[in-house]
Amino acid sequence: MEFHGSLLQLKAAVEKLGVPCHWEHRHDFESAFFDDEVSNLKLNWWPSTGVIQMVGDPEVREEMWNRLLKALDL
């Protein structure tokens, strides 16, 4: 999937999920690490291409991914 908005827009959408997280800039991409101590979820976004992906516990990932898509209006 792709998201071609700004980092601020992405951060606002992630905040709507209601799960604490912290962001790190990693070379060519941005990562949000969800601090829920359960799922080990991480969101990666490459601004240059718009590619966005979520990795971590599959049982939690699908629900969070769907909530994020809704928050981003995608």
PDB file of N, CA and C in Angstrom:
ATOM      1  N   MET A   1       0.826  -1.165   0.000  1.00  0.00           N
ATOM      2  CA  MET A   1       0.000   0.000   0.000  1.00  0.00           C
ATOM      3  C   MET A   1       0.879   1.240   0.000  1.00  0.00           C
ATOM      4  N   GLU A   2       0.304   2.367  -0.437  1.00  0.00           N
ATOM      5  CA  GLU A   2       1.060   3.616  -0.484  1.00  0.00           C
ATOM      6  C   GLU A   2       0.295   4.744   0.201  1.00  0.00           C
ATOM      7  N   PHE A   3       1.057   5.617   0.840  1.00  0.00           N
ATOM      8  CA  PHE A   3       0.531   6.832   1.464  1.00  0.00           C
ATOM      9  C   PHE A   3       1.426   7.968   1.011  1.00  0.00           C
ATOM     10  N   HIS A   4       0.827   8.954   0.342  1.00  0.00           N
ATOM     11  CA  HIS A   4       1.615  10.057  -0.210  1.00  0.00           C
ATOM     12  C   HIS A   4       1.367  11.376   0.507  1.00  0.00           C
ATOM     13  N   GLY A   5       0.938  11.307   1.750  1.00  0.00           N
ATOM     14  CA  GLY A   5       0.761  12.511   2.547  1.00  0.00           C
ATOM     15  C   GLY A   5       2.064  12.872   3.245  1.00  0.00           C
ATOM     16  N   SER A   6       1.942  13.681   4.283  1.00  0.00           N
ATOM     17  CA  SER A   6       3.116  14.120   5.038  1.00  0.00           C
ATOM     18  C   SER A   6       3.321  13.239   6.272  1.00  0.00           C
ATOM     19  N   LEU A   7       4.497  13.354   6.852  1.00  0.00           N
ATOM     20  CA  LEU A   7       4.789  12.628   8.087  1.00  0.00           C
ATOM     21  C   LEU A   7       3.841  13.087   9.194  1.00  0.00           C
ATOM     22  N   LEU A   8       3.544  14.374   9.237  1.00  0.00           N
ATOM     23  CA  LEU A   8       2.619  14.878  10.257  1.00  0.00           C
ATOM     24  C   LEU A   8       1.231  14.262  10.100  1.00  0.00           C
ATOM     25  N   GLN A   9       0.774  14.098   8.868  1.00  0.00           N
ATOM     26  CA  GLN A   9      -0.523  13.463   8.633  1.00  0.00           C
ATOM     27  C   GLN A   9      -0.501  12.004   9.078  1.00  0.00           C
ATOM     28  N   LEU A  10       0.581  11.320   8.789  1.00  0.00           N
ATOM     29  CA  LEU A  10       0.699   9.920   9.189  1.00  0.00           C
ATOM     30  C   LEU A  10       0.738   9.797  10.709  1.00  0.00           C
ATOM     31  N   LYS A  11       1.503  10.657  11.358  1.00  0.00           N
ATOM     32  CA  LYS A  11       1.571  10.632  12.819  1.00  0.00           C
ATOM     33  C   LYS A  11       0.201  10.892  13.435  1.00  0.00           C
ATOM     34  N   ALA A  12      -0.564  11.812  12.859  1.00  0.00           N
ATOM     35  CA  ALA A  12      -1.909  12.112  13.370  1.00  0.00           C
ATOM     36  C   ALA A  12      -2.821  10.897  13.231  1.00  0.00           C
ATOM     37  N   ALA A  13      -2.724  10.189  12.112  1.00  0.00           N
ATOM     38  CA  ALA A  13      -3.540   8.990  11.903  1.00  0.00           C
ATOM     39  C   ALA A  13      -3.150   7.894  12.890  1.00  0.00           C
ATOM     40  N   VAL A  14      -1.861   7.707  13.107  1.00  0.00           N
ATOM     41  CA  VAL A  14      -1.385   6.688  14.050  1.00  0.00           C
ATOM     42  C   VAL A  14      -1.845   7.038  15.464  1.00  0.00           C
ATOM     43  N   GLU A  15      -1.835   8.315  15.797  1.00  0.00           N
ATOM     44  CA  GLU A  15      -2.278   8.742  17.125  1.00  0.00           C
ATOM     45  C   GLU A  15      -3.746   8.372  17.360  1.00  0.00           C
ATOM     46  N   LYS A  16      -4.557   8.404  16.309  1.00  0.00           N
ATOM     47  CA  LYS A  16      -5.978   8.047  16.421  1.00  0.00           C
ATOM     48  C   LYS A  16      -6.177   6.586  16.818  1.00  0.00           C
ATOM     49  N   LEU A  17      -5.162   5.762  16.639  1.00  0.00           N
ATOM     50  CA  LEU A  17      -5.270   4.347  17.006  1.00  0.00           C
ATOM     51  C   LEU A  17      -5.318   4.158  18.516  1.00  0.00           C
ATOM     52  N   GLY A  18      -4.843   5.159  19.262  1.00  0.00           N
ATOM     53  CA  GLY A  18      -4.905   5.103  20.712  1.00  0.00           C
ATOM     54  C   GLY A  18      -3.890   4.193  21.368  1.00  0.00           C
ATOM     55  N   VAL A  19      -2.845   3.839  20.642  1.00  0.00           N
ATOM     56  CA  VAL A  19      -1.786   2.989  21.193  1.00  0.00           C
ATOM     57  C   VAL A  19      -0.509   3.817  21.270  1.00  0.00           C
ATOM     58  N   PRO A  20       0.111   3.898  22.446  1.00  0.00           N
ATOM     59  CA  PRO A  20       1.349   4.669  22.547  1.00  0.00           C
ATOM     60  C   PRO A  20       2.406   4.132  21.583  1.00  0.00           C
ATOM     61  N   CYS A  21       3.152   5.043  20.994  1.00  0.00           N
ATOM     62  CA  CYS A  21       4.238   4.627  20.107  1.00  0.00           C
ATOM     63  C   CYS A  21       5.315   5.700  20.096  1.00  0.00           C
ATOM     64  N   HIS A  22       6.463   5.332  19.604  1.00  0.00           N
ATOM     65  CA  HIS A  22       7.529   6.314  19.406  1.00  0.00           C
ATOM     66  C   HIS A  22       8.046   6.157  17.986  1.00  0.00           C
ATOM     67  N   TRP A  23       8.508   7.264  17.430  1.00  0.00           N
ATOM     68  CA  TRP A  23       8.951   7.313  16.037  1.00  0.00           C
ATOM     69  C   TRP A  23      10.463   7.405  15.963  1.00  0.00           C
ATOM     70  N   GLU A  24      11.011   6.778  14.942  1.00  0.00           N
ATOM     71  CA  GLU A  24      12.448   6.867  14.666  1.00  0.00           C
ATOM     72  C   GLU A  24      12.658   7.046  13.172  1.00  0.00           C
ATOM     73  N   HIS A  25      13.602   7.919  12.827  1.00  0.00           N
ATOM     74  CA  HIS A  25      14.003   8.082  11.429  1.00  0.00           C
ATOM     75  C   HIS A  25      15.094   7.057  11.160  1.00  0.00           C
ATOM     76  N   ARG A  26      14.911   6.242  10.134  1.00  0.00           N
ATOM     77  CA  ARG A  26      15.867   5.179   9.822  1.00  0.00           C
ATOM     78  C   ARG A  26      16.269   5.269   8.362  1.00  0.00           C
ATOM     79  N   HIS A  27      17.385   5.870   8.112  1.00  0.00           N
ATOM     80  CA  HIS A  27      17.922   5.994   6.752  1.00  0.00           C
ATOM     81  C   HIS A  27      16.897   6.618   5.816  1.00  0.00           C
ATOM     82  N   ASP A  28      16.267   5.827   4.949  1.00  0.00           N
ATOM     83  CA  ASP A  28      15.320   6.345   3.961  1.00  0.00           C
ATOM     84  C   ASP A  28      13.866   6.221   4.395  1.00  0.00           C
ATOM     85  N   PHE A  29      13.612   5.767   5.593  1.00  0.00           N
ATOM     86  CA  PHE A  29      12.223   5.573   6.004  1.00  0.00           C
ATOM     87  C   PHE A  29      12.001   5.992   7.452  1.00  0.00           C
ATOM     88  N   GLU A  30      10.722   6.098   7.802  1.00  0.00           N
ATOM     89  CA  GLU A  30      10.292   6.440   9.154  1.00  0.00           C
ATOM     90  C   GLU A  30       9.644   5.206   9.764  1.00  0.00           C
ATOM     91  N   SER A  31       9.856   5.001  11.055  1.00  0.00           N
ATOM     92  CA  SER A  31       9.263   3.851  11.746  1.00  0.00           C
ATOM     93  C   SER A  31       8.541   4.309  13.000  1.00  0.00           C
ATOM     94  N   ALA A  32       7.360   3.740  13.208  1.00  0.00           N
ATOM     95  CA  ALA A  32       6.619   3.930  14.456  1.00  0.00           C
ATOM     96  C   ALA A  32       6.641   2.595  15.189  1.00  0.00           C
ATOM     97  N   PHE A  33       7.162   2.606  16.394  1.00  0.00           N
ATOM     98  CA  PHE A  33       7.218   1.407  17.230  1.00  0.00           C
ATOM     99  C   PHE A  33       6.099   1.505  18.266  1.00  0.00           C
ATOM    100  N   PHE A  34       5.152   0.574  18.211  1.00  0.00           N
ATOM    101  CA  PHE A  34       4.020   0.600  19.127  1.00  0.00           C
ATOM    102  C   PHE A  34       4.450   0.039  20.475  1.00  0.00           C
ATOM    103  N   ASP A  35       4.220   0.819  21.514  1.00  0.00           N
ATOM    104  CA  ASP A  35       4.682   0.482  22.859  1.00  0.00           C
ATOM    105  C   ASP A  35       3.580  -0.173  23.687  1.00  0.00           C
ATOM    106  N   ASP A  36       2.955  -1.213  23.140  1.00  0.00           N
ATOM    107  CA  ASP A  36       1.876  -1.881  23.865  1.00  0.00           C
ATOM    108  C   ASP A  36       2.367  -3.095  24.653  1.00  0.00           C
ATOM    109  N   GLU A  37       3.632  -3.444  24.530  1.00  0.00           N
ATOM    110  CA  GLU A  37       4.263  -4.551  25.260  1.00  0.00           C
ATOM    111  C   GLU A  37       3.628  -5.915  24.967  1.00  0.00           C
ATOM    112  N   VAL A  38       2.849  -6.009  23.888  1.00  0.00           N
ATOM    113  CA  VAL A  38       2.181  -7.263  23.562  1.00  0.00           C
ATOM    114  C   VAL A  38       2.440  -7.673  22.120  1.00  0.00           C
ATOM    115  N   SER A  39       2.214  -6.767  21.195  1.00  0.00           N
ATOM    116  CA  SER A  39       2.140  -7.133  19.780  1.00  0.00           C
ATOM    117  C   SER A  39       3.444  -7.013  19.002  1.00  0.00           C
ATOM    118  N   ASN A  40       4.391  -6.239  19.489  1.00  0.00           N
ATOM    119  CA  ASN A  40       5.638  -6.005  18.761  1.00  0.00           C
ATOM    120  C   ASN A  40       5.382  -5.380  17.380  1.00  0.00           C
ATOM    121  N   LEU A  41       4.326  -4.544  17.277  1.00  0.00           N
ATOM    122  CA  LEU A  41       3.988  -3.917  16.004  1.00  0.00           C
ATOM    123  C   LEU A  41       4.938  -2.782  15.669  1.00  0.00           C
ATOM    124  N   LYS A  42       5.200  -2.671  14.371  1.00  0.00           N
ATOM    125  CA  LYS A  42       6.030  -1.583  13.861  1.00  0.00           C
ATOM    126  C   LYS A  42       5.451  -1.165  12.517  1.00  0.00           C
ATOM    127  N   LEU A  43       5.365   0.141  12.312  1.00  0.00           N
ATOM    128  CA  LEU A  43       4.897   0.700  11.053  1.00  0.00           C
ATOM    129  C   LEU A  43       6.092   1.328  10.350  1.00  0.00           C
ATOM    130  N   ASN A  44       6.319   0.958   9.103  1.00  0.00           N
ATOM    131  CA  ASN A  44       7.407   1.531   8.303  1.00  0.00           C
ATOM    132  C   ASN A  44       6.812   2.316   7.146  1.00  0.00           C
ATOM    133  N   TRP A  45       7.398   3.486   6.860  1.00  0.00           N
ATOM    134  CA  TRP A  45       6.923   4.325   5.763  1.00  0.00           C
ATOM    135  C   TRP A  45       8.113   4.937   5.040  1.00  0.00           C
ATOM    136  N   TRP A  46       8.133   4.764   3.727  1.00  0.00           N
ATOM    137  CA  TRP A  46       9.156   5.335   2.866  1.00  0.00           C
ATOM    138  C   TRP A  46       8.554   6.539   2.144  1.00  0.00           C
ATOM    139  N   PRO A  47       8.838   7.761   2.598  1.00  0.00           N
ATOM    140  CA  PRO A  47       8.242   8.956   1.996  1.00  0.00           C
ATOM    141  C   PRO A  47       8.535   9.106   0.506  1.00  0.00           C
ATOM    142  N   SER A  48       9.693   8.676   0.064  1.00  0.00           N
ATOM    143  CA  SER A  48      10.068   8.859  -1.346  1.00  0.00           C
ATOM    144  C   SER A  48       9.191   8.042  -2.292  1.00  0.00           C
ATOM    145  N   THR A  49       8.699   6.899  -1.824  1.00  0.00           N
ATOM    146  CA  THR A  49       7.861   6.038  -2.666  1.00  0.00           C
ATOM    147  C   THR A  49       6.418   5.973  -2.184  1.00  0.00           C
ATOM    148  N   GLY A  50       6.200   6.334  -0.931  1.00  0.00           N
ATOM    149  CA  GLY A  50       4.872   6.242  -0.338  1.00  0.00           C
ATOM    150  C   GLY A  50       4.549   4.878   0.233  1.00  0.00           C
ATOM    151  N   VAL A  51       5.440   3.916   0.057  1.00  0.00           N
ATOM    152  CA  VAL A  51       5.178   2.556   0.550  1.00  0.00           C
ATOM    153  C   VAL A  51       5.056   2.581   2.073  1.00  0.00           C
ATOM    154  N   ILE A  52       4.008   1.925   2.542  1.00  0.00           N
ATOM    155  CA  ILE A  52       3.765   1.831   3.981  1.00  0.00           C
ATOM    156  C   ILE A  52       3.459   0.371   4.308  1.00  0.00           C
ATOM    157  N   GLN A  53       4.026  -0.112   5.421  1.00  0.00           N
ATOM    158  CA  GLN A  53       3.789  -1.499   5.824  1.00  0.00           C
ATOM    159  C   GLN A  53       3.759  -1.587   7.339  1.00  0.00           C
ATOM    160  N   MET A  54       3.042  -2.577   7.829  1.00  0.00           N
ATOM    161  CA  MET A  54       2.992  -2.838   9.257  1.00  0.00           C
ATOM    162  C   MET A  54       3.457  -4.270   9.476  1.00  0.00           C
ATOM    163  N   VAL A  55       4.351  -4.450  10.424  1.00  0.00           N
ATOM    164  CA  VAL A  55       4.871  -5.775  10.753  1.00  0.00           C
ATOM    165  C   VAL A  55       4.693  -6.024  12.247  1.00  0.00           C
ATOM    166  N   GLY A  56       4.655  -7.298  12.618  1.00  0.00           N
ATOM    167  CA  GLY A  56       4.494  -7.671  14.017  1.00  0.00           C
ATOM    168  C   GLY A  56       3.489  -8.801  14.153  1.00  0.00           C
ATOM    169  N   ASP A  57       2.976  -8.977  15.342  1.00  0.00           N
ATOM    170  CA  ASP A  57       2.040 -10.053  15.667  1.00  0.00           C
ATOM    171  C   ASP A  57       0.856 -10.049  14.699  1.00  0.00           C
ATOM    172  N   PRO A  58       0.695 -11.124  13.905  1.00  0.00           N
ATOM    173  CA  PRO A  58      -0.383 -11.167  12.908  1.00  0.00           C
ATOM    174  C   PRO A  58      -1.784 -11.033  13.507  1.00  0.00           C
ATOM    175  N   GLU A  59      -1.984 -11.536  14.717  1.00  0.00           N
ATOM    176  CA  GLU A  59      -3.305 -11.469  15.337  1.00  0.00           C
ATOM    177  C   GLU A  59      -3.719 -10.034  15.632  1.00  0.00           C
ATOM    178  N   VAL A  60      -2.780  -9.188  15.947  1.00  0.00           N
ATOM    179  CA  VAL A  60      -3.063  -7.788  16.262  1.00  0.00           C
ATOM    180  C   VAL A  60      -2.892  -6.917  15.023  1.00  0.00           C
ATOM    181  N   ARG A  61      -1.965  -7.285  14.178  1.00  0.00           N
ATOM    182  CA  ARG A  61      -1.608  -6.467  13.012  1.00  0.00           C
ATOM    183  C   ARG A  61      -2.794  -6.197  12.091  1.00  0.00           C
ATOM    184  N   GLU A  62      -3.574  -7.215  11.776  1.00  0.00           N
ATOM    185  CA  GLU A  62      -4.679  -7.038  10.827  1.00  0.00           C
ATOM    186  C   GLU A  62      -5.684  -6.003  11.329  1.00  0.00           C
ATOM    187  N   GLU A  63      -6.059  -6.111  12.601  1.00  0.00           N
ATOM    188  CA  GLU A  63      -7.007  -5.147  13.167  1.00  0.00           C
ATOM    189  C   GLU A  63      -6.427  -3.738  13.157  1.00  0.00           C
ATOM    190  N   MET A  64      -5.179  -3.591  13.580  1.00  0.00           N
ATOM    191  CA  MET A  64      -4.545  -2.267  13.612  1.00  0.00           C
ATOM    192  C   MET A  64      -4.384  -1.708  12.205  1.00  0.00           C
ATOM    193  N   TRP A  65      -4.042  -2.548  11.249  1.00  0.00           N
ATOM    194  CA  TRP A  65      -3.882  -2.120   9.859  1.00  0.00           C
ATOM    195  C   TRP A  65      -5.205  -1.566   9.333  1.00  0.00           C
ATOM    196  N   ASN A  66      -6.307  -2.285   9.590  1.00  0.00           N
ATOM    197  CA  ASN A  66      -7.621  -1.828   9.140  1.00  0.00           C
ATOM    198  C   ASN A  66      -8.019  -0.517   9.806  1.00  0.00           C
ATOM    199  N   ARG A  67      -7.703  -0.371  11.071  1.00  0.00           N
ATOM    200  CA  ARG A  67      -7.991   0.889  11.771  1.00  0.00           C
ATOM    201  C   ARG A  67      -7.157   2.029  11.205  1.00  0.00           C
ATOM    202  N   LEU A  68      -5.907   1.744  10.861  1.00  0.00           N
ATOM    203  CA  LEU A  68      -5.049   2.771  10.274  1.00  0.00           C
ATOM    204  C   LEU A  68      -5.572   3.195   8.907  1.00  0.00           C
ATOM    205  N   LEU A  69      -5.973   2.241   8.085  1.00  0.00           N
ATOM    206  CA  LEU A  69      -6.528   2.570   6.767  1.00  0.00           C
ATOM    207  C   LEU A  69      -7.737   3.483   6.909  1.00  0.00           C
ATOM    208  N   LYS A  70      -8.574   3.194   7.881  1.00  0.00           N
ATOM    209  CA  LYS A  70      -9.750   4.030   8.124  1.00  0.00           C
ATOM    210  C   LYS A  70      -9.326   5.428   8.570  1.00  0.00           C
ATOM    211  N   ALA A  71      -8.344   5.509   9.462  1.00  0.00           N
ATOM    212  CA  ALA A  71      -7.869   6.809   9.950  1.00  0.00           C
ATOM    213  C   ALA A  71      -7.239   7.636   8.836  1.00  0.00           C
ATOM    214  N   LEU A  72      -6.642   6.955   7.857  1.00  0.00           N
ATOM    215  CA  LEU A  72      -6.021   7.645   6.717  1.00  0.00           C
ATOM    216  C   LEU A  72      -7.016   7.886   5.579  1.00  0.00           C
ATOM    217  N   ASP A  73      -8.239   7.392   5.733  1.00  0.00           N
ATOM    218  CA  ASP A  73      -9.264   7.478   4.676  1.00  0.00           C
ATOM    219  C   ASP A  73      -8.820   6.796   3.396  1.00  0.00           C
ATOM    220  N   LEU A  74      -8.185   5.627   3.517  1.00  0.00           N
ATOM    221  CA  LEU A  74      -7.731   4.870   2.340  1.00  0.00           C
ATOM    222  C   LEU A  74      -8.588   3.641   2.128  1.00  0.00           C
TER     223      LEU A  74
END
